[in-house]
Amino acid sequence: MGFDRKNLLCYGDSNTYGYNPANGFRYPEDVRWTGILQNMLGTEYKVIEEGCNGRTTIFDDPIEGWKNGRDYLKPCLNSHKPIDYIIMMLGSNDLKDTFHATAKVIADGAGVLVRDIINFSEVKQGYVPKIILTSPPEIGEEIKKSPFYGRFYEDAIERSREFPKYYKNVAEDYGCIFINAASYVKPSTVDSLHLSPEGHKKLAEVFYEAVKNL
């Protein structure tokens, strides 16, 4: 590839951004899984944080339309190239009631993004990054008590539990590494959506092993 330092793009939503459910702000860099991962990987890697609160896979939010993950993906890839690795974790926001999307439809949306990464990267940088496709954590059982209740309802819990089987199929179809985040972390009990500091730390450890194994 011709570059000593490996670029690792982390493309996701609020759990990649580092949303703190306790106060609505952002966790410090050394608490976010992306920041922890950077420290673990060291100077041979550059971890690029591209998390956006509310980002979907391919859906246009009727209120905040600029959060469609597909719209920003190609500009993002082009801005940061060359990219050697991508960790993508999207789909939680697609569970919002406004989209009425099944787990399979959401996973297929993630597949559209993976295909875009492959096709665009081949043209723009001459090779395809190694892609780690991650099915998001489950929605917590106490979603009814969450400040986000009304955008997410109880049915989102069961749909989120169906993510792994469909995301794994997408990963196999496109030759991605598959990680089921729900096997390792659960959302904070504060809002049933966002990770605690302990969740961020665990997720960083999981991604570290995946990247080093590549």
N, C-alpha and C. Protein backbone atom coordinates (compact mmCIF):
# COMPACT_ATOMS: atom_id res chain seq x y z
N MET A 1 0.81 -1.21 0.00
CA MET A 1 0.00 0.00 0.00
C MET A 1 0.86 1.27 0.00
N GLY A 2 2.08 1.17 0.41
CA GLY A 2 2.97 2.30 0.25
C GLY A 2 2.94 3.31 1.39
N PHE A 3 2.24 3.03 2.46
CA PHE A 3 2.17 3.96 3.57
C PHE A 3 2.50 3.22 4.86
N ASP A 4 3.39 3.80 5.66
CA ASP A 4 3.80 3.14 6.89
C ASP A 4 2.69 3.16 7.93
N ARG A 5 2.01 4.29 8.07
CA ARG A 5 0.96 4.41 9.07
C ARG A 5 -0.37 3.99 8.49
N LYS A 6 -1.08 3.13 9.19
CA LYS A 6 -2.35 2.62 8.71
C LYS A 6 -3.49 3.52 9.18
N ASN A 7 -4.36 3.89 8.26
CA ASN A 7 -5.51 4.71 8.59
C ASN A 7 -6.73 3.83 8.85
N LEU A 8 -7.36 4.04 9.99
CA LEU A 8 -8.53 3.27 10.40
C LEU A 8 -9.70 4.22 10.57
N LEU A 9 -10.67 4.12 9.69
CA LEU A 9 -11.85 4.98 9.74
C LEU A 9 -12.95 4.31 10.55
N CYS A 10 -13.48 5.03 11.54
CA CYS A 10 -14.59 4.53 12.36
C CYS A 10 -15.85 5.30 11.96
N TYR A 11 -16.74 4.63 11.25
CA TYR A 11 -17.91 5.29 10.68
C TYR A 11 -19.15 4.80 11.40
N GLY A 12 -19.81 5.71 12.12
CA GLY A 12 -20.94 5.27 12.91
C GLY A 12 -21.85 6.40 13.36
N ASP A 13 -22.59 6.11 14.43
CA ASP A 13 -23.57 7.07 14.94
C ASP A 13 -23.11 7.60 16.29
N SER A 14 -24.06 7.83 17.21
CA SER A 14 -23.73 8.44 18.49
C SER A 14 -22.85 7.56 19.37
N ASN A 15 -22.90 6.24 19.18
CA ASN A 15 -22.04 5.37 19.98
C ASN A 15 -20.62 5.31 19.43
N THR A 16 -20.40 5.88 18.25
CA THR A 16 -19.05 6.10 17.74
C THR A 16 -18.60 7.52 18.07
N TYR A 17 -19.53 8.45 18.03
CA TYR A 17 -19.26 9.83 18.43
C TYR A 17 -18.87 9.91 19.90
N GLY A 18 -19.51 9.08 20.73
CA GLY A 18 -19.22 9.08 22.14
C GLY A 18 -20.22 9.85 22.98
N TYR A 19 -21.49 9.74 22.61
CA TYR A 19 -22.56 10.43 23.33
C TYR A 19 -22.66 9.91 24.76
N ASN A 20 -22.67 10.87 25.70
CA ASN A 20 -22.75 10.52 27.11
C ASN A 20 -24.21 10.59 27.56
N PRO A 21 -24.83 9.45 27.88
CA PRO A 21 -26.25 9.46 28.24
C PRO A 21 -26.55 10.17 29.55
N ALA A 22 -25.53 10.40 30.35
CA ALA A 22 -25.74 11.04 31.65
C ALA A 22 -26.01 12.54 31.53
N ASN A 23 -25.43 13.15 30.48
CA ASN A 23 -25.59 14.61 30.38
C ASN A 23 -25.84 15.12 28.96
N GLY A 24 -25.82 14.23 27.97
CA GLY A 24 -26.07 14.65 26.60
C GLY A 24 -24.88 15.25 25.89
N PHE A 25 -23.74 15.31 26.56
CA PHE A 25 -22.53 15.84 25.94
C PHE A 25 -21.70 14.68 25.38
N ARG A 26 -20.43 14.92 25.17
CA ARG A 26 -19.55 13.91 24.59
C ARG A 26 -18.55 13.43 25.62
N TYR A 27 -18.36 12.10 25.64
CA TYR A 27 -17.31 11.57 26.51
C TYR A 27 -15.95 12.14 26.10
N PRO A 28 -15.03 12.29 27.03
CA PRO A 28 -13.66 12.69 26.68
C PRO A 28 -13.02 11.68 25.74
N GLU A 29 -12.00 12.12 25.07
CA GLU A 29 -11.32 11.27 24.08
C GLU A 29 -10.82 9.96 24.69
N ASP A 30 -10.33 10.02 25.91
CA ASP A 30 -9.78 8.82 26.52
C ASP A 30 -10.84 7.89 27.11
N VAL A 31 -12.12 8.26 26.97
CA VAL A 31 -13.23 7.41 27.40
C VAL A 31 -13.92 6.78 26.19
N ARG A 32 -13.92 7.49 25.08
CA ARG A 32 -14.56 6.97 23.87
C ARG A 32 -13.80 5.75 23.35
N TRP A 33 -14.54 4.78 22.80
CA TRP A 33 -13.86 3.57 22.33
C TRP A 33 -12.86 3.89 21.23
N THR A 34 -13.16 4.91 20.44
CA THR A 34 -12.23 5.30 19.37
C THR A 34 -10.91 5.81 19.95
N GLY A 35 -11.01 6.62 21.00
CA GLY A 35 -9.79 7.13 21.63
C GLY A 35 -9.00 6.06 22.34
N ILE A 36 -9.72 5.16 23.01
CA ILE A 36 -9.05 4.05 23.69
C ILE A 36 -8.36 3.16 22.65
N LEU A 37 -9.06 2.92 21.56
CA LEU A 37 -8.49 2.09 20.49
C LEU A 37 -7.22 2.71 19.92
N GLN A 38 -7.24 4.03 19.74
CA GLN A 38 -6.04 4.71 19.26
C GLN A 38 -4.86 4.47 20.21
N ASN A 39 -5.11 4.61 21.50
CA ASN A 39 -4.04 4.39 22.48
C ASN A 39 -3.54 2.95 22.46
N MET A 40 -4.44 2.02 22.26
CA MET A 40 -4.05 0.62 22.24
C MET A 40 -3.25 0.27 20.99
N LEU A 41 -3.64 0.82 19.86
CA LEU A 41 -2.97 0.51 18.60
C LEU A 41 -1.63 1.22 18.46
N GLY A 42 -1.52 2.40 19.06
CA GLY A 42 -0.26 3.12 19.02
C GLY A 42 -0.04 3.91 17.74
N THR A 43 1.17 4.36 17.57
CA THR A 43 1.49 5.30 16.49
C THR A 43 1.52 4.68 15.10
N GLU A 44 1.45 3.37 15.02
CA GLU A 44 1.44 2.74 13.70
C GLU A 44 0.09 2.88 13.01
N TYR A 45 -0.90 3.32 13.77
CA TYR A 45 -2.25 3.49 13.24
C TYR A 45 -2.76 4.89 13.54
N LYS A 46 -3.59 5.39 12.65
CA LYS A 46 -4.32 6.64 12.89
C LYS A 46 -5.81 6.31 12.90
N VAL A 47 -6.45 6.48 14.06
CA VAL A 47 -7.89 6.22 14.19
C VAL A 47 -8.64 7.50 13.84
N ILE A 48 -9.48 7.42 12.83
CA ILE A 48 -10.25 8.57 12.35
C ILE A 48 -11.68 8.45 12.84
N GLU A 49 -12.10 9.39 13.68
CA GLU A 49 -13.43 9.35 14.27
C GLU A 49 -14.45 10.02 13.34
N GLU A 50 -15.42 9.27 12.89
CA GLU A 50 -16.50 9.82 12.06
C GLU A 50 -17.84 9.30 12.59
N GLY A 51 -18.13 9.68 13.83
CA GLY A 51 -19.42 9.34 14.42
C GLY A 51 -20.33 10.56 14.41
N CYS A 52 -21.59 10.35 14.12
CA CYS A 52 -22.56 11.45 14.06
C CYS A 52 -23.83 11.02 14.79
N ASN A 53 -24.26 11.81 15.76
CA ASN A 53 -25.49 11.51 16.47
C ASN A 53 -26.67 11.43 15.50
N GLY A 54 -27.44 10.36 15.60
CA GLY A 54 -28.63 10.21 14.76
C GLY A 54 -28.39 9.67 13.37
N ARG A 55 -27.15 9.35 13.03
CA ARG A 55 -26.86 8.87 11.66
C ARG A 55 -27.56 7.53 11.40
N THR A 56 -28.16 7.41 10.24
CA THR A 56 -28.79 6.18 9.79
C THR A 56 -27.89 5.48 8.77
N THR A 57 -28.35 4.35 8.26
CA THR A 57 -27.63 3.72 7.16
C THR A 57 -27.96 4.46 5.86
N ILE A 58 -29.20 4.32 5.39
CA ILE A 58 -29.56 4.92 4.10
C ILE A 58 -30.85 5.73 4.18
N PHE A 59 -31.39 5.91 5.37
CA PHE A 59 -32.68 6.59 5.50
C PHE A 59 -32.52 8.10 5.68
N ASP A 60 -33.42 8.85 5.05
CA ASP A 60 -33.48 10.30 5.25
C ASP A 60 -34.39 10.60 6.43
N ASP A 61 -33.82 11.19 7.47
CA ASP A 61 -34.63 11.60 8.61
C ASP A 61 -35.51 12.77 8.18
N PRO A 62 -36.83 12.69 8.40
CA PRO A 62 -37.73 13.75 7.93
C PRO A 62 -37.49 15.09 8.61
N ILE A 63 -36.84 15.08 9.77
CA ILE A 63 -36.56 16.33 10.48
C ILE A 63 -35.11 16.76 10.26
N GLU A 64 -34.21 15.80 10.38
CA GLU A 64 -32.78 16.08 10.20
C GLU A 64 -32.26 15.25 9.04
N GLY A 65 -32.57 15.68 7.84
CA GLY A 65 -32.27 14.88 6.65
C GLY A 65 -30.81 14.67 6.37
N TRP A 66 -29.96 15.51 6.95
CA TRP A 66 -28.53 15.41 6.67
C TRP A 66 -27.85 14.26 7.40
N LYS A 67 -28.61 13.46 8.09
CA LYS A 67 -28.03 12.36 8.86
C LYS A 67 -28.04 11.02 8.14
N ASN A 68 -28.38 11.03 6.87
CA ASN A 68 -28.32 9.83 6.05
C ASN A 68 -26.85 9.42 5.88
N GLY A 69 -26.52 8.22 6.34
CA GLY A 69 -25.13 7.77 6.31
C GLY A 69 -24.57 7.60 4.92
N ARG A 70 -25.42 7.37 3.96
CA ARG A 70 -24.92 7.17 2.59
C ARG A 70 -24.50 8.49 1.96
N ASP A 71 -25.21 9.56 2.29
CA ASP A 71 -24.91 10.85 1.67
C ASP A 71 -23.50 11.32 1.98
N TYR A 72 -23.05 11.05 3.20
CA TYR A 72 -21.74 11.55 3.62
C TYR A 72 -20.62 10.55 3.40
N LEU A 73 -20.95 9.32 3.09
CA LEU A 73 -19.94 8.27 3.05
C LEU A 73 -18.85 8.53 2.01
N LYS A 74 -19.22 8.78 0.78
CA LYS A 74 -18.20 8.96 -0.27
C LYS A 74 -17.34 10.20 -0.03
N PRO A 75 -17.92 11.35 0.33
CA PRO A 75 -17.04 12.47 0.68
C PRO A 75 -16.10 12.15 1.83
N CYS A 76 -16.58 11.39 2.79
CA CYS A 76 -15.76 11.00 3.94
C CYS A 76 -14.61 10.11 3.48
N LEU A 77 -14.91 9.13 2.67
CA LEU A 77 -13.87 8.23 2.16
C LEU A 77 -12.82 9.00 1.36
N ASN A 78 -13.29 9.94 0.57
CA ASN A 78 -12.38 10.70 -0.28
C ASN A 78 -11.51 11.65 0.53
N SER A 79 -12.08 12.22 1.59
CA SER A 79 -11.33 13.17 2.42
C SER A 79 -10.20 12.51 3.19
N HIS A 80 -10.43 11.28 3.60
CA HIS A 80 -9.48 10.61 4.48
C HIS A 80 -8.59 9.60 3.77
N LYS A 81 -8.76 9.41 2.48
CA LYS A 81 -7.96 8.40 1.79
C LYS A 81 -6.48 8.74 1.84
N PRO A 82 -5.61 7.74 1.88
CA PRO A 82 -5.91 6.31 1.77
C PRO A 82 -6.39 5.72 3.11
N ILE A 83 -7.38 4.86 3.01
CA ILE A 83 -7.94 4.20 4.20
C ILE A 83 -7.63 2.71 4.11
N ASP A 84 -7.07 2.18 5.18
CA ASP A 84 -6.67 0.77 5.20
C ASP A 84 -7.69 -0.13 5.89
N TYR A 85 -8.36 0.43 6.90
CA TYR A 85 -9.36 -0.33 7.65
C TYR A 85 -10.58 0.56 7.91
N ILE A 86 -11.75 -0.07 7.93
CA ILE A 86 -12.97 0.64 8.29
C ILE A 86 -13.75 -0.20 9.30
N ILE A 87 -14.11 0.44 10.40
CA ILE A 87 -15.06 -0.16 11.34
C ILE A 87 -16.37 0.59 11.14
N MET A 88 -17.40 -0.12 10.73
CA MET A 88 -18.70 0.52 10.53
C MET A 88 -19.71 -0.07 11.49
N MET A 89 -20.35 0.80 12.27
CA MET A 89 -21.37 0.35 13.21
C MET A 89 -22.56 1.32 13.10
N LEU A 90 -23.51 0.95 12.29
CA LEU A 90 -24.71 1.76 12.06
C LEU A 90 -25.95 0.86 12.07
N GLY A 91 -27.09 1.45 12.35
CA GLY A 91 -28.34 0.70 12.30
C GLY A 91 -29.28 1.00 13.44
N SER A 92 -28.74 1.45 14.57
CA SER A 92 -29.60 1.71 15.73
C SER A 92 -30.65 2.77 15.43
N ASN A 93 -30.25 3.84 14.77
CA ASN A 93 -31.21 4.92 14.49
C ASN A 93 -32.25 4.53 13.46
N ASP A 94 -31.94 3.51 12.67
CA ASP A 94 -32.92 3.01 11.69
C ASP A 94 -34.10 2.34 12.38
N LEU A 95 -33.93 2.05 13.68
CA LEU A 95 -35.01 1.43 14.47
C LEU A 95 -36.06 2.44 14.92
N LYS A 96 -35.83 3.71 14.65
CA LYS A 96 -36.82 4.73 15.04
C LYS A 96 -38.16 4.43 14.38
N ASP A 97 -39.20 4.74 15.10
CA ASP A 97 -40.55 4.43 14.63
C ASP A 97 -40.86 5.07 13.28
N THR A 98 -40.26 6.20 13.01
CA THR A 98 -40.56 6.93 11.77
C THR A 98 -40.20 6.15 10.52
N PHE A 99 -39.24 5.20 10.63
CA PHE A 99 -38.78 4.47 9.45
C PHE A 99 -39.51 3.15 9.23
N HIS A 100 -40.10 2.59 10.28
CA HIS A 100 -40.84 1.31 10.17
C HIS A 100 -40.01 0.24 9.46
N ALA A 101 -38.75 0.13 9.81
CA ALA A 101 -37.83 -0.77 9.11
C ALA A 101 -37.61 -2.06 9.90
N THR A 102 -37.61 -3.18 9.19
CA THR A 102 -37.29 -4.45 9.81
C THR A 102 -35.78 -4.57 9.99
N ALA A 103 -35.36 -5.52 10.80
CA ALA A 103 -33.94 -5.75 11.01
C ALA A 103 -33.24 -6.11 9.70
N LYS A 104 -33.91 -6.88 8.86
CA LYS A 104 -33.30 -7.27 7.58
C LYS A 104 -33.14 -6.06 6.66
N VAL A 105 -34.14 -5.21 6.61
CA VAL A 105 -34.05 -4.02 5.77
C VAL A 105 -32.90 -3.12 6.25
N ILE A 106 -32.76 -3.00 7.55
CA ILE A 106 -31.68 -2.19 8.10
C ILE A 106 -30.32 -2.79 7.77
N ALA A 107 -30.19 -4.10 7.92
CA ALA A 107 -28.93 -4.77 7.57
C ALA A 107 -28.64 -4.62 6.08
N ASP A 108 -29.68 -4.71 5.26
CA ASP A 108 -29.49 -4.50 3.82
C ASP A 108 -29.00 -3.09 3.54
N GLY A 109 -29.47 -2.12 4.34
CA GLY A 109 -28.98 -0.76 4.20
C GLY A 109 -27.50 -0.67 4.52
N ALA A 110 -27.08 -1.38 5.54
CA ALA A 110 -25.65 -1.44 5.85
C ALA A 110 -24.89 -2.07 4.70
N GLY A 111 -25.51 -3.05 4.06
CA GLY A 111 -24.88 -3.68 2.90
C GLY A 111 -24.69 -2.72 1.74
N VAL A 112 -25.63 -1.81 1.56
CA VAL A 112 -25.49 -0.79 0.51
C VAL A 112 -24.24 0.05 0.78
N LEU A 113 -24.03 0.41 2.05
CA LEU A 113 -22.86 1.20 2.40
C LEU A 113 -21.57 0.42 2.18
N VAL A 114 -21.57 -0.85 2.53
CA VAL A 114 -20.39 -1.68 2.30
C VAL A 114 -20.07 -1.74 0.81
N ARG A 115 -21.10 -1.92 0.00
CA ARG A 115 -20.88 -1.97 -1.45
C ARG A 115 -20.32 -0.63 -1.96
N ASP A 116 -20.83 0.46 -1.41
CA ASP A 116 -20.31 1.78 -1.80
C ASP A 116 -18.84 1.91 -1.42
N ILE A 117 -18.49 1.43 -0.24
CA ILE A 117 -17.09 1.49 0.19
C ILE A 117 -16.20 0.72 -0.77
N ILE A 118 -16.62 -0.48 -1.12
CA ILE A 118 -15.83 -1.33 -2.01
C ILE A 118 -15.65 -0.68 -3.38
N ASN A 119 -16.75 -0.28 -3.99
CA ASN A 119 -16.70 0.27 -5.35
C ASN A 119 -15.96 1.60 -5.40
N PHE A 120 -16.24 2.47 -4.44
CA PHE A 120 -15.62 3.80 -4.44
C PHE A 120 -14.13 3.71 -4.16
N SER A 121 -13.76 2.87 -3.21
CA SER A 121 -12.35 2.75 -2.84
C SER A 121 -11.51 2.16 -3.97
N GLU A 122 -12.07 1.21 -4.68
CA GLU A 122 -11.35 0.62 -5.81
C GLU A 122 -10.95 1.69 -6.82
N VAL A 123 -11.85 2.63 -7.04
CA VAL A 123 -11.61 3.68 -8.03
C VAL A 123 -10.70 4.77 -7.46
N LYS A 124 -11.00 5.23 -6.25
CA LYS A 124 -10.34 6.42 -5.72
C LYS A 124 -8.99 6.18 -5.05
N GLN A 125 -8.76 4.96 -4.55
CA GLN A 125 -7.45 4.74 -3.93
C GLN A 125 -6.78 3.47 -4.42
N GLY A 126 -7.45 2.74 -5.29
CA GLY A 126 -6.82 1.61 -5.94
C GLY A 126 -6.86 0.30 -5.18
N TYR A 127 -7.42 0.29 -4.00
CA TYR A 127 -7.59 -0.95 -3.22
C TYR A 127 -8.73 -0.76 -2.24
N VAL A 128 -9.26 -1.88 -1.77
CA VAL A 128 -10.40 -1.86 -0.86
C VAL A 128 -9.91 -2.02 0.58
N PRO A 129 -10.35 -1.15 1.47
CA PRO A 129 -9.97 -1.32 2.88
C PRO A 129 -10.53 -2.62 3.43
N LYS A 130 -9.90 -3.11 4.47
CA LYS A 130 -10.48 -4.23 5.20
C LYS A 130 -11.63 -3.68 6.05
N ILE A 131 -12.80 -4.28 5.91
CA ILE A 131 -14.01 -3.74 6.53
C ILE A 131 -14.45 -4.63 7.68
N ILE A 132 -14.64 -4.01 8.83
CA ILE A 132 -15.20 -4.69 9.99
C ILE A 132 -16.64 -4.20 10.14
N LEU A 133 -17.57 -5.04 9.74
CA LEU A 133 -18.99 -4.68 9.83
C LEU A 133 -19.51 -5.12 11.19
N THR A 134 -20.06 -4.17 11.93
CA THR A 134 -20.48 -4.42 13.31
C THR A 134 -21.97 -4.23 13.46
N SER A 135 -22.66 -5.27 13.92
CA SER A 135 -24.07 -5.09 14.25
C SER A 135 -24.16 -4.39 15.60
N PRO A 136 -24.99 -3.35 15.72
CA PRO A 136 -24.99 -2.50 16.91
C PRO A 136 -25.49 -3.22 18.16
N PRO A 137 -25.23 -2.60 19.31
CA PRO A 137 -25.77 -3.14 20.57
C PRO A 137 -27.30 -3.16 20.54
N GLU A 138 -27.87 -4.00 21.37
CA GLU A 138 -29.33 -4.07 21.46
C GLU A 138 -29.90 -2.81 22.10
N ILE A 139 -31.15 -2.54 21.82
CA ILE A 139 -31.88 -1.50 22.54
C ILE A 139 -32.24 -2.06 23.92
N GLY A 140 -32.06 -1.26 24.96
CA GLY A 140 -32.29 -1.73 26.32
C GLY A 140 -33.75 -1.97 26.63
N GLU A 141 -33.98 -2.85 27.57
CA GLU A 141 -35.35 -3.25 27.91
C GLU A 141 -36.16 -2.14 28.59
N GLU A 142 -35.47 -1.12 29.09
CA GLU A 142 -36.15 -0.02 29.77
C GLU A 142 -36.35 1.18 28.84
N ILE A 143 -36.46 0.93 27.55
CA ILE A 143 -36.59 2.03 26.59
C ILE A 143 -37.79 2.92 26.91
N LYS A 144 -38.81 2.37 27.52
CA LYS A 144 -40.00 3.17 27.84
C LYS A 144 -39.68 4.28 28.83
N LYS A 145 -38.62 4.11 29.61
CA LYS A 145 -38.22 5.11 30.58
C LYS A 145 -37.16 6.07 30.02
N SER A 146 -36.78 5.86 28.78
CA SER A 146 -35.72 6.65 28.17
C SER A 146 -36.23 8.02 27.71
N PRO A 147 -35.40 9.04 27.75
CA PRO A 147 -35.79 10.33 27.18
C PRO A 147 -36.00 10.26 25.67
N PHE A 148 -35.55 9.17 25.06
CA PHE A 148 -35.72 9.01 23.61
C PHE A 148 -36.98 8.21 23.27
N TYR A 149 -37.72 7.82 24.30
CA TYR A 149 -38.98 7.11 24.06
C TYR A 149 -39.93 8.04 23.30
N GLY A 150 -40.54 7.49 22.28
CA GLY A 150 -41.35 8.29 21.38
C GLY A 150 -40.74 8.30 20.00
N ARG A 151 -39.42 8.26 19.98
CA ARG A 151 -38.71 8.02 18.73
C ARG A 151 -38.41 6.53 18.59
N PHE A 152 -38.14 5.89 19.73
CA PHE A 152 -37.96 4.44 19.80
C PHE A 152 -39.06 3.88 20.70
N TYR A 153 -39.66 2.77 20.26
CA TYR A 153 -40.69 2.11 21.06
C TYR A 153 -40.24 0.70 21.42
N GLU A 154 -41.08 -0.01 22.16
CA GLU A 154 -40.70 -1.34 22.65
C GLU A 154 -40.38 -2.31 21.53
N ASP A 155 -41.01 -2.18 20.38
CA ASP A 155 -40.74 -3.11 19.29
C ASP A 155 -39.31 -3.01 18.77
N ALA A 156 -38.65 -1.89 19.05
CA ALA A 156 -37.26 -1.73 18.62
C ALA A 156 -36.34 -2.71 19.35
N ILE A 157 -36.74 -3.12 20.54
CA ILE A 157 -35.91 -4.05 21.30
C ILE A 157 -35.76 -5.37 20.55
N GLU A 158 -36.87 -5.95 20.15
CA GLU A 158 -36.83 -7.24 19.47
C GLU A 158 -36.15 -7.12 18.11
N ARG A 159 -36.41 -6.06 17.39
CA ARG A 159 -35.76 -5.89 16.09
C ARG A 159 -34.24 -5.77 16.25
N SER A 160 -33.81 -5.07 17.29
CA SER A 160 -32.36 -4.95 17.51
C SER A 160 -31.72 -6.31 17.81
N ARG A 161 -32.49 -7.19 18.43
CA ARG A 161 -31.97 -8.53 18.73
C ARG A 161 -31.84 -9.40 17.49
N GLU A 162 -32.48 -9.01 16.42
CA GLU A 162 -32.39 -9.74 15.16
C GLU A 162 -31.24 -9.26 14.29
N PHE A 163 -30.60 -8.19 14.69
CA PHE A 163 -29.52 -7.64 13.88
C PHE A 163 -28.42 -8.64 13.53
N PRO A 164 -27.88 -9.38 14.52
CA PRO A 164 -26.69 -10.18 14.24
C PRO A 164 -26.82 -11.14 13.06
N LYS A 165 -27.94 -11.85 12.97
CA LYS A 165 -28.03 -12.85 11.90
C LYS A 165 -28.04 -12.20 10.52
N TYR A 166 -28.68 -11.05 10.41
CA TYR A 166 -28.75 -10.38 9.12
C TYR A 166 -27.44 -9.66 8.78
N TYR A 167 -26.84 -9.03 9.78
CA TYR A 167 -25.56 -8.36 9.54
C TYR A 167 -24.48 -9.38 9.19
N LYS A 168 -24.53 -10.53 9.84
CA LYS A 168 -23.54 -11.57 9.53
C LYS A 168 -23.68 -12.01 8.08
N ASN A 169 -24.90 -12.13 7.59
CA ASN A 169 -25.12 -12.51 6.19
C ASN A 169 -24.52 -11.48 5.25
N VAL A 170 -24.72 -10.20 5.58
CA VAL A 170 -24.16 -9.13 4.75
C VAL A 170 -22.64 -9.20 4.76
N ALA A 171 -22.08 -9.40 5.94
CA ALA A 171 -20.62 -9.49 6.04
C ALA A 171 -20.07 -10.63 5.20
N GLU A 172 -20.74 -11.76 5.23
CA GLU A 172 -20.30 -12.91 4.44
C GLU A 172 -20.42 -12.63 2.95
N ASP A 173 -21.49 -11.95 2.55
CA ASP A 173 -21.70 -11.64 1.14
C ASP A 173 -20.60 -10.76 0.57
N TYR A 174 -20.07 -9.85 1.40
CA TYR A 174 -19.10 -8.88 0.91
C TYR A 174 -17.69 -9.12 1.43
N GLY A 175 -17.47 -10.21 2.11
CA GLY A 175 -16.12 -10.54 2.58
C GLY A 175 -15.62 -9.67 3.71
N CYS A 176 -16.54 -9.23 4.56
CA CYS A 176 -16.16 -8.39 5.71
C CYS A 176 -15.89 -9.25 6.95
N ILE A 177 -15.14 -8.70 7.88
CA ILE A 177 -15.06 -9.26 9.21
C ILE A 177 -16.36 -8.88 9.92
N PHE A 178 -16.97 -9.81 10.63
CA PHE A 178 -18.22 -9.52 11.33
C PHE A 178 -18.01 -9.52 12.83
N ILE A 179 -18.55 -8.49 13.48
CA ILE A 179 -18.55 -8.43 14.94
C ILE A 179 -19.95 -8.12 15.42
N ASN A 180 -20.41 -8.88 16.39
CA ASN A 180 -21.71 -8.64 17.02
C ASN A 180 -21.46 -7.89 18.32
N ALA A 181 -21.67 -6.58 18.30
CA ALA A 181 -21.40 -5.76 19.48
C ALA A 181 -22.22 -6.20 20.68
N ALA A 182 -23.43 -6.71 20.42
CA ALA A 182 -24.32 -7.11 21.50
C ALA A 182 -23.78 -8.30 22.30
N SER A 183 -22.82 -9.01 21.74
CA SER A 183 -22.20 -10.12 22.47
C SER A 183 -21.26 -9.61 23.56
N TYR A 184 -20.90 -8.34 23.47
CA TYR A 184 -19.89 -7.80 24.39
C TYR A 184 -20.39 -6.65 25.25
N VAL A 185 -21.33 -5.86 24.73
CA VAL A 185 -21.76 -4.66 25.45
C VAL A 185 -23.27 -4.51 25.43
N LYS A 186 -23.77 -3.81 26.44
CA LYS A 186 -25.17 -3.45 26.52
C LYS A 186 -25.27 -1.95 26.70
N PRO A 187 -26.38 -1.35 26.30
CA PRO A 187 -26.51 0.10 26.47
C PRO A 187 -26.65 0.46 27.95
N SER A 188 -26.35 1.71 28.25
CA SER A 188 -26.51 2.21 29.61
C SER A 188 -27.96 2.12 30.04
N THR A 189 -28.18 1.87 31.31
CA THR A 189 -29.54 1.85 31.85
C THR A 189 -30.13 3.26 31.92
N VAL A 190 -29.30 4.28 31.72
CA VAL A 190 -29.78 5.66 31.78
C VAL A 190 -30.78 5.95 30.66
N ASP A 191 -30.46 5.48 29.45
CA ASP A 191 -31.37 5.77 28.33
C ASP A 191 -31.62 4.58 27.41
N SER A 192 -31.06 3.43 27.72
CA SER A 192 -31.28 2.19 26.95
C SER A 192 -30.76 2.25 25.52
N LEU A 193 -29.93 3.25 25.22
CA LEU A 193 -29.42 3.41 23.85
C LEU A 193 -27.90 3.56 23.79
N HIS A 194 -27.35 4.34 24.70
CA HIS A 194 -25.95 4.72 24.57
C HIS A 194 -25.07 3.99 25.57
N LEU A 195 -23.83 3.81 25.17
CA LEU A 195 -22.90 3.02 25.96
C LEU A 195 -22.37 3.77 27.18
N SER A 196 -22.10 3.03 28.23
CA SER A 196 -21.43 3.54 29.41
C SER A 196 -19.93 3.59 29.14
N PRO A 197 -19.16 4.25 30.00
CA PRO A 197 -17.71 4.21 29.84
C PRO A 197 -17.15 2.79 29.81
N GLU A 198 -17.74 1.91 30.62
CA GLU A 198 -17.29 0.51 30.63
C GLU A 198 -17.58 -0.16 29.29
N GLY A 199 -18.71 0.19 28.68
CA GLY A 199 -19.04 -0.35 27.37
C GLY A 199 -18.07 0.11 26.31
N HIS A 200 -17.69 1.37 26.37
CA HIS A 200 -16.71 1.89 25.41
C HIS A 200 -15.37 1.17 25.55
N LYS A 201 -14.96 0.96 26.77
CA LYS A 201 -13.68 0.27 27.01
C LYS A 201 -13.71 -1.14 26.46
N LYS A 202 -14.79 -1.86 26.71
CA LYS A 202 -14.90 -3.23 26.22
C LYS A 202 -14.92 -3.27 24.70
N LEU A 203 -15.66 -2.36 24.10
CA LEU A 203 -15.75 -2.34 22.64
C LEU A 203 -14.39 -2.05 22.02
N ALA A 204 -13.63 -1.16 22.64
CA ALA A 204 -12.29 -0.87 22.15
C ALA A 204 -11.42 -2.12 22.18
N GLU A 205 -11.54 -2.89 23.23
CA GLU A 205 -10.75 -4.13 23.34
C GLU A 205 -11.12 -5.12 22.25
N VAL A 206 -12.43 -5.21 21.95
CA VAL A 206 -12.90 -6.13 20.91
C VAL A 206 -12.37 -5.70 19.55
N PHE A 207 -12.46 -4.42 19.26
CA PHE A 207 -11.98 -3.92 17.97
C PHE A 207 -10.46 -4.01 17.86
N TYR A 208 -9.77 -3.83 18.95
CA TYR A 208 -8.31 -3.96 18.94
C TYR A 208 -7.91 -5.36 18.49
N GLU A 209 -8.53 -6.36 19.07
CA GLU A 209 -8.20 -7.74 18.70
C GLU A 209 -8.54 -8.00 17.24
N ALA A 210 -9.66 -7.46 16.78
CA ALA A 210 -10.06 -7.67 15.38
C ALA A 210 -9.06 -7.03 14.42
N VAL A 211 -8.64 -5.80 14.72
CA VAL A 211 -7.70 -5.11 13.84
C VAL A 211 -6.35 -5.80 13.84
N LYS A 212 -5.86 -6.17 15.01
CA LYS A 212 -4.55 -6.82 15.07
C LYS A 212 -4.56 -8.18 14.38
N ASN A 213 -5.68 -8.86 14.43
CA ASN A 213 -5.79 -10.16 13.76
C ASN A 213 -5.81 -10.01 12.24
N LEU A 214 -6.22 -8.84 11.75
CA LEU A 214 -6.20 -8.61 10.32
C LEU A 214 -4.76 -8.44 9.81
